[in-house]
PDB file of N, CA and C in Angstrom:
ATOM      1  N   MET A   1     134.626 107.965  85.476  1.00  0.00           N
ATOM      2  CA  MET A   1     135.423 108.896  86.246  1.00  0.00           C
ATOM      3  C   MET A   1     136.330 108.092  87.181  1.00  0.00           C
ATOM      4  N   ALA A   2     137.592 108.451  87.245  1.00  0.00           N
ATOM      5  CA  ALA A   2     138.575 107.751  88.077  1.00  0.00           C
ATOM      6  C   ALA A   2     138.251 107.896  89.564  1.00  0.00           C
ATOM      7  N   VAL A   3     138.606 106.853  90.317  1.00  0.00           N
ATOM      8  CA  VAL A   3     138.390 106.843  91.758  1.00  0.00           C
ATOM      9  C   VAL A   3     139.734 106.640  92.443  1.00  0.00           C
ATOM     10  N   ARG A   4     140.038 107.494  93.411  1.00  0.00           N
ATOM     11  CA  ARG A   4     141.295 107.431  94.163  1.00  0.00           C
ATOM     12  C   ARG A   4     140.980 107.007  95.587  1.00  0.00           C
ATOM     13  N   LEU A   5     141.763 106.076  96.116  1.00  0.00           N
ATOM     14  CA  LEU A   5     141.630 105.677  97.512  1.00  0.00           C
ATOM     15  C   LEU A   5     142.963 105.851  98.209  1.00  0.00           C
ATOM     16  N   VAL A   6     142.909 106.311  99.437  1.00  0.00           N
ATOM     17  CA  VAL A   6     144.073 106.389 100.311  1.00  0.00           C
ATOM     18  C   VAL A   6     143.719 105.555 101.533  1.00  0.00           C
ATOM     19  N   VAL A   7     144.419 104.445 101.700  1.00  0.00           N
ATOM     20  CA  VAL A   7     144.136 103.520 102.788  1.00  0.00           C
ATOM     21  C   VAL A   7     145.275 103.611 103.794  1.00  0.00           C
ATOM     22  N   THR A   8     144.979 104.000 105.017  1.00  0.00           N
ATOM     23  CA  THR A   8     145.977 104.111 106.073  1.00  0.00           C
ATOM     24  C   THR A   8     146.006 102.801 106.847  1.00  0.00           C
ATOM     25  N   ILE A   9     147.188 102.249 107.002  1.00  0.00           N
ATOM     26  CA  ILE A   9     147.350 100.956 107.670  1.00  0.00           C
ATOM     27  C   ILE A   9     148.376 101.111 108.787  1.00  0.00           C
ATOM     28  N   THR A  10     148.062 100.599 109.958  1.00  0.00           N
ATOM     29  CA  THR A  10     149.004 100.579 111.068  1.00  0.00           C
ATOM     30  C   THR A  10     149.387  99.130 111.318  1.00  0.00           C
ATOM     31  N   ALA A  11     150.685  98.865 111.272  1.00  0.00           N
ATOM     32  CA  ALA A  11     151.197  97.506 111.490  1.00  0.00           C
ATOM     33  C   ALA A  11     151.286  97.200 112.981  1.00  0.00           C
ATOM     34  N   VAL A  12     151.374  95.923 113.272  1.00  0.00           N
ATOM     35  CA  VAL A  12     151.693  95.484 114.623  1.00  0.00           C
ATOM     36  C   VAL A  12     153.027  96.146 114.969  1.00  0.00           C
ATOM     37  N   PRO A  13     153.248  96.608 116.205  1.00  0.00           N
ATOM     38  CA  PRO A  13     154.495  97.298 116.547  1.00  0.00           C
ATOM     39  C   PRO A  13     155.750  96.557 116.063  1.00  0.00           C
ATOM     40  N   SER A  14     156.634  97.323 115.431  1.00  0.00           N
ATOM     41  CA  SER A  14     157.929  96.865 114.905  1.00  0.00           C
ATOM     42  C   SER A  14     157.809  95.925 113.710  1.00  0.00           C
ATOM     43  N   LYS A  15     156.645  95.871 113.065  1.00  0.00           N
ATOM     44  CA  LYS A  15     156.448  94.975 111.924  1.00  0.00           C
ATOM     45  C   LYS A  15     156.113  95.726 110.636  1.00  0.00           C
ATOM     46  N   GLY A  16     156.301  97.047 110.624  1.00  0.00           N
ATOM     47  CA  GLY A  16     155.957  97.849 109.450  1.00  0.00           C
ATOM     48  C   GLY A  16     156.708  97.441 108.201  1.00  0.00           C
ATOM     49  N   SER A  17     158.011  97.228 108.310  1.00  0.00           N
ATOM     50  CA  SER A  17     158.803  96.846 107.134  1.00  0.00           C
ATOM     51  C   SER A  17     158.382  95.481 106.610  1.00  0.00           C
ATOM     52  N   GLU A  18     158.113  94.579 107.514  1.00  0.00           N
ATOM     53  CA  GLU A  18     157.679  93.242 107.124  1.00  0.00           C
ATOM     54  C   GLU A  18     156.310  93.297 106.423  1.00  0.00           C
ATOM     55  N   LEU A  19     155.425  94.135 106.933  1.00  0.00           N
ATOM     56  CA  LEU A  19     154.109  94.280 106.316  1.00  0.00           C
ATOM     57  C   LEU A  19     154.234  94.911 104.928  1.00  0.00           C
ATOM     58  N   ALA A  20     155.090  95.927 104.797  1.00  0.00           N
ATOM     59  CA  ALA A  20     155.298  96.568 103.492  1.00  0.00           C
ATOM     60  C   ALA A  20     155.793  95.542 102.469  1.00  0.00           C
ATOM     61  N   GLN A  21     156.710  94.689 102.878  1.00  0.00           N
ATOM     62  CA  GLN A  21     157.209  93.642 101.975  1.00  0.00           C
ATOM     63  C   GLN A  21     156.103  92.657 101.613  1.00  0.00           C
ATOM     64  N   ALA A  22     155.265  92.342 102.568  1.00  0.00           N
ATOM     65  CA  ALA A  22     154.167  91.406 102.314  1.00  0.00           C
ATOM     66  C   ALA A  22     153.175  91.983 101.297  1.00  0.00           C
ATOM     67  N   TYR A  23     153.040  93.294 101.263  1.00  0.00           N
ATOM     68  CA  TYR A  23     152.116  93.935 100.329  1.00  0.00           C
ATOM     69  C   TYR A  23     152.663  93.979  98.898  1.00  0.00           C
ATOM     70  N   ARG A  24     153.936  93.747  98.703  1.00  0.00           N
ATOM     71  CA  ARG A  24     154.515  93.821  97.348  1.00  0.00           C
ATOM     72  C   ARG A  24     153.789  92.900  96.372  1.00  0.00           C
ATOM     73  N   ALA A  25     153.584  91.653  96.753  1.00  0.00           N
ATOM     74  CA  ALA A  25     152.909  90.697  95.868  1.00  0.00           C
ATOM     75  C   ALA A  25     151.457  91.107  95.639  1.00  0.00           C
ATOM     76  N   ARG A  26     150.803  91.585  96.692  1.00  0.00           N
ATOM     77  CA  ARG A  26     149.408  92.017  96.551  1.00  0.00           C
ATOM     78  C   ARG A  26     149.303  93.188  95.580  1.00  0.00           C
ATOM     79  N   CYS A  27     150.245  94.113  95.681  1.00  0.00           N
ATOM     80  CA  CYS A  27     150.250  95.262  94.772  1.00  0.00           C
ATOM     81  C   CYS A  27     150.446  94.806  93.327  1.00  0.00           C
ATOM     82  N   ALA A  28     151.378  93.899  93.107  1.00  0.00           N
ATOM     83  CA  ALA A  28     151.646  93.401  91.755  1.00  0.00           C
ATOM     84  C   ALA A  28     150.405  92.706  91.192  1.00  0.00           C
ATOM     85  N   ASP A  29     149.726  91.923  92.009  1.00  0.00           N
ATOM     86  CA  ASP A  29     148.513  91.234  91.562  1.00  0.00           C
ATOM     87  C   ASP A  29     147.402  92.230  91.226  1.00  0.00           C
ATOM     88  N   ALA A  30     147.218  93.215  92.083  1.00  0.00           N
ATOM     89  CA  ALA A  30     146.151  94.204  91.858  1.00  0.00           C
ATOM     90  C   ALA A  30     146.398  95.003  90.587  1.00  0.00           C
ATOM     91  N   MET A  31     147.651  95.303  90.292  1.00  0.00           N
ATOM     92  CA  MET A  31     147.970  96.078  89.082  1.00  0.00           C
ATOM     93  C   MET A  31     147.582  95.331  87.802  1.00  0.00           C
ATOM     94  N   LYS A  32     147.402  94.035  87.886  1.00  0.00           N
ATOM     95  CA  LYS A  32     146.993  93.236  86.725  1.00  0.00           C
ATOM     96  C   LYS A  32     145.479  93.245  86.527  1.00  0.00           C
ATOM     97  N   GLU A  33     144.740  93.724  87.508  1.00  0.00           N
ATOM     98  CA  GLU A  33     143.287  93.729  87.417  1.00  0.00           C
ATOM     99  C   GLU A  33     142.818  94.819  86.445  1.00  0.00           C
ATOM    100  N   PRO A  34     141.751  94.527  85.695  1.00  0.00           N
ATOM    101  CA  PRO A  34     141.214  95.537  84.773  1.00  0.00           C
ATOM    102  C   PRO A  34     140.807  96.810  85.516  1.00  0.00           C
ATOM    103  N   GLY A  35     141.224  97.943  84.992  1.00  0.00           N
ATOM    104  CA  GLY A  35     140.848  99.225  85.578  1.00  0.00           C
ATOM    105  C   GLY A  35     141.764  99.732  86.667  1.00  0.00           C
ATOM    106  N   CYS A  36     142.758  98.936  87.077  1.00  0.00           N
ATOM    107  CA  CYS A  36     143.681  99.389  88.121  1.00  0.00           C
ATOM    108  C   CYS A  36     144.767 100.253  87.494  1.00  0.00           C
ATOM    109  N   GLU A  37     144.845 101.499  87.911  1.00  0.00           N
ATOM    110  CA  GLU A  37     145.842 102.437  87.394  1.00  0.00           C
ATOM    111  C   GLU A  37     146.989 102.636  88.376  1.00  0.00           C
ATOM    112  N   GLN A  38     146.734 102.409  89.654  1.00  0.00           N
ATOM    113  CA  GLN A  38     147.773 102.521  90.682  1.00  0.00           C
ATOM    114  C   GLN A  38     147.374 101.679  91.877  1.00  0.00           C
ATOM    115  N   PHE A  39     148.333 100.968  92.441  1.00  0.00           N
ATOM    116  CA  PHE A  39     148.129 100.195  93.656  1.00  0.00           C
ATOM    117  C   PHE A  39     149.513 100.064  94.275  1.00  0.00           C
ATOM    118  N   GLU A  40     149.857 101.001  95.145  1.00  0.00           N
ATOM    119  CA  GLU A  40     151.203 101.073  95.722  1.00  0.00           C
ATOM    120  C   GLU A  40     151.148 101.257  97.222  1.00  0.00           C
ATOM    121  N   ILE A  41     152.103 100.647  97.908  1.00  0.00           N
ATOM    122  CA  ILE A  41     152.217 100.774  99.363  1.00  0.00           C
ATOM    123  C   ILE A  41     153.397 101.687  99.684  1.00  0.00           C
ATOM    124  N   PHE A  42     153.229 102.572 100.648  1.00  0.00           N
ATOM    125  CA  PHE A  42     154.281 103.487 101.087  1.00  0.00           C
ATOM    126  C   PHE A  42     154.412 103.387 102.603  1.00  0.00           C
ATOM    127  N   GLN A  43     155.651 103.467 103.081  1.00  0.00           N
ATOM    128  CA  GLN A  43     155.922 103.387 104.512  1.00  0.00           C
ATOM    129  C   GLN A  43     156.368 104.751 105.020  1.00  0.00           C
ATOM    130  N   SER A  44     155.851 105.158 106.148  1.00  0.00           N
ATOM    131  CA  SER A  44     156.185 106.453 106.730  1.00  0.00           C
ATOM    132  C   SER A  44     157.636 106.488 107.206  1.00  0.00           C
ATOM    133  N   ALA A  45     158.309 107.595 106.938  1.00  0.00           N
ATOM    134  CA  ALA A  45     159.665 107.794 107.450  1.00  0.00           C
ATOM    135  C   ALA A  45     159.627 108.198 108.930  1.00  0.00           C
ATOM    136  N   MET A  46     158.520 108.793 109.356  1.00  0.00           N
ATOM    137  CA  MET A  46     158.378 109.247 110.737  1.00  0.00           C
ATOM    138  C   MET A  46     157.945 108.123 111.678  1.00  0.00           C
ATOM    139  N   ASN A  47     157.098 107.216 111.163  1.00  0.00           N
ATOM    140  CA  ASN A  47     156.600 106.097 111.964  1.00  0.00           C
ATOM    141  C   ASN A  47     156.601 104.861 111.068  1.00  0.00           C
ATOM    142  N   PRO A  48     157.637 104.035 111.136  1.00  0.00           N
ATOM    143  CA  PRO A  48     157.765 102.889 110.228  1.00  0.00           C
ATOM    144  C   PRO A  48     156.633 101.866 110.320  1.00  0.00           C
ATOM    145  N   ASP A  49     155.814 101.939 111.360  1.00  0.00           N
ATOM    146  CA  ASP A  49     154.684 101.022 111.466  1.00  0.00           C
ATOM    147  C   ASP A  49     153.412 101.604 110.833  1.00  0.00           C
ATOM    148  N   ARG A  50     153.544 102.749 110.212  1.00  0.00           N
ATOM    149  CA  ARG A  50     152.412 103.413 109.552  1.00  0.00           C
ATOM    150  C   ARG A  50     152.632 103.320 108.044  1.00  0.00           C
ATOM    151  N   LEU A  51     151.650 102.775 107.326  1.00  0.00           N
ATOM    152  CA  LEU A  51     151.748 102.633 105.883  1.00  0.00           C
ATOM    153  C   LEU A  51     150.554 103.298 105.222  1.00  0.00           C
ATOM    154  N   ALA A  52     150.720 103.618 103.955  1.00  0.00           N
ATOM    155  CA  ALA A  52     149.624 104.168 103.163  1.00  0.00           C
ATOM    156  C   ALA A  52     149.560 103.388 101.856  1.00  0.00           C
ATOM    157  N   LEU A  53     148.386 102.934 101.527  1.00  0.00           N
ATOM    158  CA  LEU A  53     148.146 102.239 100.279  1.00  0.00           C
ATOM    159  C   LEU A  53     147.417 103.213  99.366  1.00  0.00           C
ATOM    160  N   LEU A  54     148.026 103.528  98.218  1.00  0.00           N
ATOM    161  CA  LEU A  54     147.399 104.434  97.257  1.00  0.00           C
ATOM    162  C   LEU A  54     146.835 103.607  96.121  1.00  0.00           C
ATOM    163  N   GLU A  55     145.555 103.783  95.885  1.00  0.00           N
ATOM    164  CA  GLU A  55     144.878 103.068  94.810  1.00  0.00           C
ATOM    165  C   GLU A  55     144.229 104.084  93.879  1.00  0.00           C
ATOM    166  N   ARG A  56     144.250 103.762  92.594  1.00  0.00           N
ATOM    167  CA  ARG A  56     143.515 104.563  91.609  1.00  0.00           C
ATOM    168  C   ARG A  56     142.886 103.574  90.636  1.00  0.00           C
ATOM    169  N   TRP A  57     141.592 103.721  90.469  1.00  0.00           N
ATOM    170  CA  TRP A  57     140.807 102.843  89.601  1.00  0.00           C
ATOM    171  C   TRP A  57     140.159 103.679  88.519  1.00  0.00           C
ATOM    172  N   SER A  58     140.051 103.119  87.321  1.00  0.00           N
ATOM    173  CA  SER A  58     139.508 103.867  86.186  1.00  0.00           C
ATOM    174  C   SER A  58     138.070 104.326  86.429  1.00  0.00           C
ATOM    175  N   ASP A  59     137.310 103.540  87.198  1.00  0.00           N
ATOM    176  CA  ASP A  59     135.932 103.916  87.522  1.00  0.00           C
ATOM    177  C   ASP A  59     135.452 103.096  88.725  1.00  0.00           C
ATOM    178  N   GLN A  60     134.278 103.434  89.211  1.00  0.00           N
ATOM    179  CA  GLN A  60     133.732 102.767  90.387  1.00  0.00           C
ATOM    180  C   GLN A  60     133.492 101.281  90.128  1.00  0.00           C
ATOM    181  N   LYS A  61     133.097 100.929  88.911  1.00  0.00           N
ATOM    182  CA  LYS A  61     132.836  99.527  88.578  1.00  0.00           C
ATOM    183  C   LYS A  61     134.105  98.686  88.749  1.00  0.00           C
ATOM    184  N   ALA A  62     135.253  99.195  88.290  1.00  0.00           N
ATOM    185  CA  ALA A  62     136.521  98.467  88.434  1.00  0.00           C
ATOM    186  C   ALA A  62     136.862  98.282  89.916  1.00  0.00           C
ATOM    187  N   LEU A  63     136.638  99.309  90.726  1.00  0.00           N
ATOM    188  CA  LEU A  63     136.895  99.211  92.161  1.00  0.00           C
ATOM    189  C   LEU A  63     135.952  98.189  92.808  1.00  0.00           C
ATOM    190  N   ASP A  64     134.694  98.199  92.399  1.00  0.00           N
ATOM    191  CA  ASP A  64     133.733  97.247  92.952  1.00  0.00           C
ATOM    192  C   ASP A  64     134.126  95.808  92.639  1.00  0.00           C
ATOM    193  N   VAL A  65     134.601  95.551  91.420  1.00  0.00           N
ATOM    194  CA  VAL A  65     135.052  94.207  91.039  1.00  0.00           C
ATOM    195  C   VAL A  65     136.247  93.810  91.906  1.00  0.00           C
ATOM    196  N   HIS A  66     137.200  94.728  92.084  1.00  0.00           N
ATOM    197  CA  HIS A  66     138.376  94.470  92.928  1.00  0.00           C
ATOM    198  C   HIS A  66     137.938  94.142  94.360  1.00  0.00           C
ATOM    199  N   ALA A  67     137.022  94.931  94.887  1.00  0.00           N
ATOM    200  CA  ALA A  67     136.560  94.721  96.270  1.00  0.00           C
ATOM    201  C   ALA A  67     135.896  93.357  96.413  1.00  0.00           C
ATOM    202  N   GLU A  68     135.106  92.975  95.431  1.00  0.00           N
ATOM    203  CA  GLU A  68     134.423  91.675  95.493  1.00  0.00           C
ATOM    204  C   GLU A  68     135.433  90.529  95.414  1.00  0.00           C
ATOM    205  N   LEU A  69     136.445  90.668  94.568  1.00  0.00           N
ATOM    206  CA  LEU A  69     137.483  89.635  94.448  1.00  0.00           C
ATOM    207  C   LEU A  69     138.275  89.473  95.735  1.00  0.00           C
ATOM    208  N   ASN A  70     138.472  90.559  96.461  1.00  0.00           N
ATOM    209  CA  ASN A  70     139.317  90.540  97.653  1.00  0.00           C
ATOM    210  C   ASN A  70     138.541  90.403  98.959  1.00  0.00           C
ATOM    211  N   ARG A  71     137.227  90.407  98.893  1.00  0.00           N
ATOM    212  CA  ARG A  71     136.421  90.326 100.108  1.00  0.00           C
ATOM    213  C   ARG A  71     136.678  89.054 100.914  1.00  0.00           C
ATOM    214  N   PRO A  72     136.836  87.898 100.269  1.00  0.00           N
ATOM    215  CA  PRO A  72     137.046  86.682 101.063  1.00  0.00           C
ATOM    216  C   PRO A  72     138.423  86.576 101.714  1.00  0.00           C
ATOM    217  N   LYS A  73     139.368  87.441 101.330  1.00  0.00           N
ATOM    218  CA  LYS A  73     140.711  87.369 101.895  1.00  0.00           C
ATOM    219  C   LYS A  73     140.723  87.927 103.313  1.00  0.00           C
ATOM    220  N   PRO A  74     141.315  87.208 104.265  1.00  0.00           N
ATOM    221  CA  PRO A  74     141.398  87.723 105.633  1.00  0.00           C
ATOM    222  C   PRO A  74     142.434  88.844 105.725  1.00  0.00           C
ATOM    223  N   PRO A  75     142.309  89.724 106.718  1.00  0.00           N
ATOM    224  CA  PRO A  75     143.307  90.768 106.913  1.00  0.00           C
ATOM    225  C   PRO A  75     144.666  90.140 107.210  1.00  0.00           C
ATOM    226  N   HIS A  76     145.712  90.821 106.836  1.00  0.00           N
ATOM    227  CA  HIS A  76     147.065  90.323 107.093  1.00  0.00           C
ATOM    228  C   HIS A  76     147.321  90.302 108.596  1.00  0.00           C
ATOM    229  N   ALA A  77     147.993  89.284 109.054  1.00  0.00           N
ATOM    230  CA  ALA A  77     148.259  89.107 110.493  1.00  0.00           C
ATOM    231  C   ALA A  77     149.109  90.228 111.087  1.00  0.00           C
ATOM    232  N   LEU A  78     149.847  90.962 110.246  1.00  0.00           N
ATOM    233  CA  LEU A  78     150.712  92.027 110.758  1.00  0.00           C
ATOM    234  C   LEU A  78     150.014  93.375 110.879  1.00  0.00           C
ATOM    235  N   ILE A  79     148.719  93.441 110.555  1.00  0.00           N
ATOM    236  CA  ILE A  79     147.968  94.686 110.694  1.00  0.00           C
ATOM    237  C   ILE A  79     147.446  94.767 112.119  1.00  0.00           C
ATOM    238  N   SER A  80     147.677  95.893 112.748  1.00  0.00           N
ATOM    239  CA  SER A  80     147.244  96.097 114.128  1.00  0.00           C
ATOM    240  C   SER A  80     145.729  96.090 114.215  1.00  0.00           C
ATOM    241  N   SER A  81     145.197  95.366 115.190  1.00  0.00           N
ATOM    242  CA  SER A  81     143.744  95.322 115.370  1.00  0.00           C
ATOM    243  C   SER A  81     143.250  96.524 116.170  1.00  0.00           C
ATOM    244  N   THR A  82     144.135  97.303 116.748  1.00  0.00           N
ATOM    245  CA  THR A  82     143.739  98.466 117.536  1.00  0.00           C
ATOM    246  C   THR A  82     144.141  99.767 116.860  1.00  0.00           C
ATOM    247  N   SER A  83     144.396  99.735 115.592  1.00  0.00           N
ATOM    248  CA  SER A  83     144.831 100.903 114.848  1.00  0.00           C
ATOM    249  C   SER A  83     143.851 102.057 114.985  1.00  0.00           C
ATOM    250  N   SER A  84     144.305 103.168 115.520  1.00  0.00           N
ATOM    251  CA  SER A  84     143.527 104.399 115.677  1.00  0.00           C
ATOM    252  C   SER A  84     142.197 104.169 116.377  1.00  0.00           C
ATOM    253  N   GLY A  85     142.118 103.111 117.180  1.00  0.00           N
ATOM    254  CA  GLY A  85     140.878 102.823 117.875  1.00  0.00           C
ATOM    255  C   GLY A  85     139.788 102.313 116.960  1.00  0.00           C
ATOM    256  N   ALA A  86     140.101 102.099 115.693  1.00  0.00           N
ATOM    257  CA  ALA A  86     139.099 101.644 114.734  1.00  0.00           C
ATOM    258  C   ALA A  86     139.008 100.124 114.745  1.00  0.00           C
ATOM    259  N   ARG A  87     137.844  99.633 114.344  1.00  0.00           N
ATOM    260  CA  ARG A  87     137.692  98.186 114.186  1.00  0.00           C
ATOM    261  C   ARG A  87     138.534  97.722 113.019  1.00  0.00           C
ATOM    262  N   ARG A  88     138.845  96.478 112.999  1.00  0.00           N
ATOM    263  CA  ARG A  88     139.640  95.905 111.917  1.00  0.00           C
ATOM    264  C   ARG A  88     138.713  95.539 110.758  1.00  0.00           C
ATOM    265  N   PRO A  89     138.675  96.345 109.695  1.00  0.00           N
ATOM    266  CA  PRO A  89     137.795  96.066 108.570  1.00  0.00           C
ATOM    267  C   PRO A  89     138.212  94.794 107.839  1.00  0.00           C
ATOM    268  N   ARG A  90     137.280  94.195 107.118  1.00  0.00           N
ATOM    269  CA  ARG A  90     137.554  92.973 106.381  1.00  0.00           C
ATOM    270  C   ARG A  90     138.606  93.180 105.297  1.00  0.00           C
ATOM    271  N   SER A  91     138.686  94.373 104.729  1.00  0.00           N
ATOM    272  CA  SER A  91     139.620  94.611 103.643  1.00  0.00           C
ATOM    273  C   SER A  91     141.064  94.655 104.134  1.00  0.00           C
ATOM    274  N   GLY A  92     141.274  94.726 105.436  1.00  0.00           N
ATOM    275  CA  GLY A  92     142.627  94.792 105.972  1.00  0.00           C
ATOM    276  C   GLY A  92     143.114  96.223 106.126  1.00  0.00           C
ATOM    277  N   SER A  93     142.274  97.184 105.822  1.00  0.00           N
ATOM    278  CA  SER A  93     142.687  98.568 105.974  1.00  0.00           C
ATOM    279  C   SER A  93     142.077  99.139 107.241  1.00  0.00           C
ATOM    280  N   CYS A  94     142.701 100.150 107.765  1.00  0.00           N
ATOM    281  CA  CYS A  94     142.200 100.756 108.991  1.00  0.00           C
ATOM    282  C   CYS A  94     141.250 101.904 108.684  1.00  0.00           C
ATOM    283  N   ARG A  95     141.538 102.627 107.660  1.00  0.00           N
ATOM    284  CA  ARG A  95     140.688 103.746 107.286  1.00  0.00           C
ATOM    285  C   ARG A  95     140.728 103.840 105.774  1.00  0.00           C
ATOM    286  N   ARG A  96     139.593 103.982 105.175  1.00  0.00           N
ATOM    287  CA  ARG A  96     139.551 104.024 103.722  1.00  0.00           C
ATOM    288  C   ARG A  96     138.724 105.227 103.303  1.00  0.00           C
ATOM    289  N   ARG A  97     139.318 106.060 102.497  1.00  0.00           N
ATOM    290  CA  ARG A  97     138.622 107.230 101.984  1.00  0.00           C
ATOM    291  C   ARG A  97     138.621 107.143 100.472  1.00  0.00           C
ATOM    292  N   SER A  98     137.484 107.354  99.891  1.00  0.00           N
ATOM    293  CA  SER A  98     137.365 107.300  98.445  1.00  0.00           C
ATOM    294  C   SER A  98     136.941 108.669  97.960  1.00  0.00           C
ATOM    295  N   ARG A  99     137.556 109.080  96.873  1.00  0.00           N
ATOM    296  CA  ARG A  99     137.133 110.356  96.315  1.00  0.00           C
ATOM    297  C   ARG A  99     137.419 110.347  94.830  1.00  0.00           C
ATOM    298  N   SER A 100     136.553 110.981  94.117  1.00  0.00           N
ATOM    299  CA  SER A 100     136.732 111.104  92.686  1.00  0.00           C
ATOM    300  C   SER A 100     137.885 112.071  92.436  1.00  0.00           C
ATOM    301  N   THR A 101     138.593 111.886  91.325  1.00  0.00           N
ATOM    302  CA  THR A 101     139.701 112.793  91.024  1.00  0.00           C
ATOM    303  C   THR A 101     139.208 114.058  90.333  1.00  0.00           C
ATOM    304  N   ALA A 102     137.946 114.094  89.943  1.00  0.00           N
ATOM    305  CA  ALA A 102     137.403 115.294  89.314  1.00  0.00           C
ATOM    306  C   ALA A 102     136.996 116.276  90.411  1.00  0.00           C
ATOM    307  N   PRO A 103     137.244 117.580  90.209  1.00  0.00           N
ATOM    308  CA  PRO A 103     136.848 118.549  91.234  1.00  0.00           C
ATOM    309  C   PRO A 103     135.328 118.630  91.329  1.00  0.00           C
ATOM    310  N   ALA A 104     134.860 118.958  92.500  1.00  0.00           N
ATOM    311  CA  ALA A 104     133.425 119.115  92.712  1.00  0.00           C
ATOM    312  C   ALA A 104     132.922 120.311  91.923  1.00  0.00           C
ATOM    313  N   PRO A 105     131.675 120.272  91.446  1.00  0.00           N
ATOM    314  CA  PRO A 105     131.133 121.419  90.723  1.00  0.00           C
ATOM    315  C   PRO A 105     131.202 122.678  91.585  1.00  0.00           C
ATOM    316  N   GLY A 106     131.681 123.740  91.021  1.00  0.00           N
ATOM    317  CA  GLY A 106     131.775 125.008  91.740  1.00  0.00           C
ATOM    318  C   GLY A 106     132.986 125.120  92.652  1.00  0.00           C
ATOM    319  N   ALA A 107     133.836 124.106  92.704  1.00  0.00           N
ATOM    320  CA  ALA A 107     134.988 124.136  93.611  1.00  0.00           C
ATOM    321  C   ALA A 107     135.952 125.250  93.245  1.00  0.00           C
ATOM    322  N   ALA A 108     136.149 125.483  91.956  1.00  0.00           N
ATOM    323  CA  ALA A 108     137.071 126.547  91.532  1.00  0.00           C
ATOM    324  C   ALA A 108     136.515 127.906  91.932  1.00  0.00           C
ATOM    325  N   ARG A 109     135.217 128.091  91.773  1.00  0.00           N
ATOM    326  CA  ARG A 109     134.604 129.374  92.171  1.00  0.00           C
ATOM    327  C   ARG A 109     134.727 129.573  93.672  1.00  0.00           C
ATOM    328  N   GLU A 110     134.541 128.499  94.431  1.00  0.00           N
ATOM    329  CA  GLU A 110     134.622 128.579  95.888  1.00  0.00           C
ATOM    330  C   GLU A 110     136.032 128.949  96.322  1.00  0.00           C
ATOM    331  N   ARG A 111     137.041 128.320  95.723  1.00  0.00           N
ATOM    332  CA  ARG A 111     138.443 128.636  96.053  1.00  0.00           C
ATOM    333  C   ARG A 111     138.768 130.076  95.663  1.00  0.00           C
ATOM    334  N   ALA A 112     138.274 130.504  94.516  1.00  0.00           N
ATOM    335  CA  ALA A 112     138.561 131.863  94.063  1.00  0.00           C
ATOM    336  C   ALA A 112     137.970 132.896  95.014  1.00  0.00           C
ATOM    337  N   GLY A 113     136.816 132.576  95.603  1.00  0.00           N
ATOM    338  CA  GLY A 113     136.167 133.494  96.533  1.00  0.00           C
ATOM    339  C   GLY A 113     136.906 133.640  97.851  1.00  0.00           C
ATOM    340  N   ARG A 114     137.765 132.689  98.183  1.00  0.00           N
ATOM    341  CA  ARG A 114     138.506 132.750  99.460  1.00  0.00           C
ATOM    342  C   ARG A 114     139.769 133.572  99.352  1.00  0.00           C
ATOM    343  N   ARG A 115     140.174 133.926  98.183  1.00  0.00           N
ATOM    344  CA  ARG A 115     141.439 134.679  98.006  1.00  0.00           C
ATOM    345  C   ARG A 115     141.309 136.112  98.404  1.00  0.00           C
TER     346      ARG A 115
END
């Protein structure tokens, strides 16, 4: 089952564009990894120091391999260490949410009941 991640990143003030450019090579490298279906960085039009990294992996095993390969890499120097009051995770992301792309069992019935 595919796994989708949305990673919110806050750059050091006034360094959002520079950080987005720095992620280009990382994105290209990640796309070559087995099981990587999407690995793209997006910059906010409202707050240029706010970025979102969208990842999609064919399954949890592919994501786990990617995480293990990237664990020794230090966070990029342009990532804010005070982003949203959160600690600076080793992966370089400020907040990471993982969710399967398949709907939860009964989700359609639950939505139908709210109409």
